[in-house]
Amino acid sequence: MAFNEAERRELEGRTGRRKIALADAMRAEIALLATAGRTNPVIAARLGITQVTVAMWRQRFAANDLTVLPTSSASVGASSGMRRSPKW
């Protein structure tokens, strides 16, 4: 999985925002750690989530890039257009 510089900046920005949904920040962190070469077990342990959740988001990012994340202007709690919510 690889992101261009603009996508990487967007992900890094999402991880530090106070007014962003916690789940969105977690997804951004998964993407950043994955592109840094971390394995699913390492990412899961670091973030306190399951390896299944990490694998699911890695697959979504690989298939859709950042389009699986809500736009940065979306308000907290706004629908991201996903079919189902992750269990975290």
C-alpha atoms as a PDB file:
ATOM      1  CA  MET A   1       0.000   0.000   0.000  1.00  0.00           C
ATOM      2  CA  ALA A   2       1.363   3.419  -0.899  1.00  0.00           C
ATOM      3  CA  PHE A   3       0.056   6.969  -0.717  1.00  0.00           C
ATOM      4  CA  ASN A   4       1.285  10.064  -2.475  1.00  0.00           C
ATOM      5  CA  GLU A   5       2.613  13.018  -0.450  1.00  0.00           C
ATOM      6  CA  ALA A   6      -0.734  14.849  -0.358  1.00  0.00           C
ATOM      7  CA  GLU A   7      -2.534  11.722   0.844  1.00  0.00           C
ATOM      8  CA  ARG A   8       0.118  11.127   3.514  1.00  0.00           C
ATOM      9  CA  ARG A   9      -0.262  14.726   4.778  1.00  0.00           C
ATOM     10  CA  GLU A  10      -4.047  14.261   4.912  1.00  0.00           C
ATOM     11  CA  LEU A  11      -3.681  11.057   6.934  1.00  0.00           C
ATOM     12  CA  GLU A  12      -1.167  12.624   9.310  1.00  0.00           C
ATOM     13  CA  GLY A  13      -3.459  15.606   9.799  1.00  0.00           C
ATOM     14  CA  ARG A  14      -6.405  13.368  10.615  1.00  0.00           C
ATOM     15  CA  THR A  15      -4.518  11.564  13.377  1.00  0.00           C
ATOM     16  CA  GLY A  16      -3.930  14.788  15.310  1.00  0.00           C
ATOM     17  CA  ARG A  17      -7.234  16.638  14.916  1.00  0.00           C
ATOM     18  CA  ARG A  18      -9.352  17.168  17.991  1.00  0.00           C
ATOM     19  CA  LYS A  19     -12.676  17.547  16.201  1.00  0.00           C
ATOM     20  CA  ILE A  20     -12.477  14.450  14.082  1.00  0.00           C
ATOM     21  CA  ALA A  21     -14.287  11.227  14.810  1.00  0.00           C
ATOM     22  CA  LEU A  22     -12.135   8.828  16.799  1.00  0.00           C
ATOM     23  CA  ALA A  23     -12.799   6.027  14.324  1.00  0.00           C
ATOM     24  CA  ASP A  24     -11.630   8.232  11.429  1.00  0.00           C
ATOM     25  CA  ALA A  25      -8.392   9.039  13.241  1.00  0.00           C
ATOM     26  CA  MET A  26      -7.904   5.316  13.925  1.00  0.00           C
ATOM     27  CA  ARG A  27      -8.364   4.478  10.236  1.00  0.00           C
ATOM     28  CA  ALA A  28      -5.814   7.108   9.275  1.00  0.00           C
ATOM     29  CA  GLU A  29      -3.366   5.688  11.798  1.00  0.00           C
ATOM     30  CA  ILE A  30      -3.870   2.179  10.381  1.00  0.00           C
ATOM     31  CA  ALA A  31      -3.036   3.478   6.902  1.00  0.00           C
ATOM     32  CA  LEU A  32       0.071   5.346   8.089  1.00  0.00           C
ATOM     33  CA  LEU A  33       1.418   2.401  10.062  1.00  0.00           C
ATOM     34  CA  ALA A  34       0.730   0.042   7.158  1.00  0.00           C
ATOM     35  CA  THR A  35       2.614   2.251   4.710  1.00  0.00           C
ATOM     36  CA  ALA A  36       5.481   2.369   7.216  1.00  0.00           C
ATOM     37  CA  GLY A  37       5.733  -1.419   6.853  1.00  0.00           C
ATOM     38  CA  ARG A  38       4.127  -2.445  10.142  1.00  0.00           C
ATOM     39  CA  THR A  39       2.384  -5.807  10.182  1.00  0.00           C
ATOM     40  CA  ASN A  40      -1.263  -6.356  11.093  1.00  0.00           C
ATOM     41  CA  PRO A  41      -0.419  -7.838  14.535  1.00  0.00           C
ATOM     42  CA  VAL A  42       1.845  -4.873  15.346  1.00  0.00           C
ATOM     43  CA  ILE A  43      -0.741  -2.315  14.224  1.00  0.00           C
ATOM     44  CA  ALA A  44      -3.518  -4.102  16.130  1.00  0.00           C
ATOM     45  CA  ALA A  45      -1.488  -4.231  19.344  1.00  0.00           C
ATOM     46  CA  ARG A  46      -0.414  -0.599  19.089  1.00  0.00           C
ATOM     47  CA  LEU A  47      -3.960   0.661  18.496  1.00  0.00           C
ATOM     48  CA  GLY A  48      -5.757  -1.806  20.768  1.00  0.00           C
ATOM     49  CA  ILE A  49      -7.916  -3.255  18.004  1.00  0.00           C
ATOM     50  CA  THR A  50      -8.217  -6.663  16.377  1.00  0.00           C
ATOM     51  CA  GLN A  51      -6.071  -7.925  13.545  1.00  0.00           C
ATOM     52  CA  VAL A  52      -9.291  -8.537  11.604  1.00  0.00           C
ATOM     53  CA  THR A  53     -10.111  -4.817  11.803  1.00  0.00           C
ATOM     54  CA  VAL A  54      -6.623  -3.884  10.626  1.00  0.00           C
ATOM     55  CA  ALA A  55      -6.818  -6.343   7.723  1.00  0.00           C
ATOM     56  CA  MET A  56     -10.267  -5.054   6.718  1.00  0.00           C
ATOM     57  CA  TRP A  57      -9.088  -1.431   6.565  1.00  0.00           C
ATOM     58  CA  ARG A  58      -5.860  -2.309   4.756  1.00  0.00           C
ATOM     59  CA  GLN A  59      -7.930  -4.067   2.092  1.00  0.00           C
ATOM     60  CA  ARG A  60     -10.288  -1.095   1.809  1.00  0.00           C
ATOM     61  CA  PHE A  61      -7.405   1.355   1.476  1.00  0.00           C
ATOM     62  CA  ALA A  62      -5.693  -0.847  -1.098  1.00  0.00           C
ATOM     63  CA  ALA A  63      -8.877  -1.017  -3.175  1.00  0.00           C
ATOM     64  CA  ASN A  64     -10.074   2.561  -2.762  1.00  0.00           C
ATOM     65  CA  ASP A  65      -7.199   4.756  -1.540  1.00  0.00           C
ATOM     66  CA  LEU A  66      -8.495   7.508   0.762  1.00  0.00           C
ATOM     67  CA  THR A  67     -11.973   7.499  -0.739  1.00  0.00           C
ATOM     68  CA  VAL A  68     -13.101   5.207   2.095  1.00  0.00           C
ATOM     69  CA  LEU A  69     -12.556   8.050   4.572  1.00  0.00           C
ATOM     70  CA  PRO A  70     -15.078  10.842   5.034  1.00  0.00           C
ATOM     71  CA  THR A  71     -14.022  14.179   3.564  1.00  0.00           C
ATOM     72  CA  SER A  72     -11.964  16.307   5.923  1.00  0.00           C
ATOM     73  CA  SER A  73     -14.739  18.897   6.023  1.00  0.00           C
ATOM     74  CA  ALA A  74     -17.313  16.355   7.208  1.00  0.00           C
ATOM     75  CA  SER A  75     -18.578  17.062  10.676  1.00  0.00           C
ATOM     76  CA  VAL A  76     -17.994  14.687  13.536  1.00  0.00           C
ATOM     77  CA  GLY A  77     -20.688  12.060  13.544  1.00  0.00           C
ATOM     78  CA  ALA A  78     -21.608  12.647   9.903  1.00  0.00           C
ATOM     79  CA  SER A  79     -22.133   9.601   7.763  1.00  0.00           C
ATOM     80  CA  SER A  80     -19.065   8.524   5.844  1.00  0.00           C
ATOM     81  CA  GLY A  81     -21.106   6.669   3.259  1.00  0.00           C
ATOM     82  CA  MET A  82     -19.910   3.294   4.494  1.00  0.00           C
ATOM     83  CA  ARG A  83     -22.297   0.382   4.450  1.00  0.00           C
ATOM     84  CA  ARG A  84     -21.480  -0.789   7.947  1.00  0.00           C
ATOM     85  CA  SER A  85     -19.617   0.623  10.906  1.00  0.00           C
ATOM     86  CA  PRO A  86     -16.472  -0.994  12.243  1.00  0.00           C
ATOM     87  CA  LYS A  87     -16.798  -2.465  15.738  1.00  0.00           C
ATOM     88  CA  TRP A  88     -14.329  -0.249  17.644  1.00  0.00           C
END
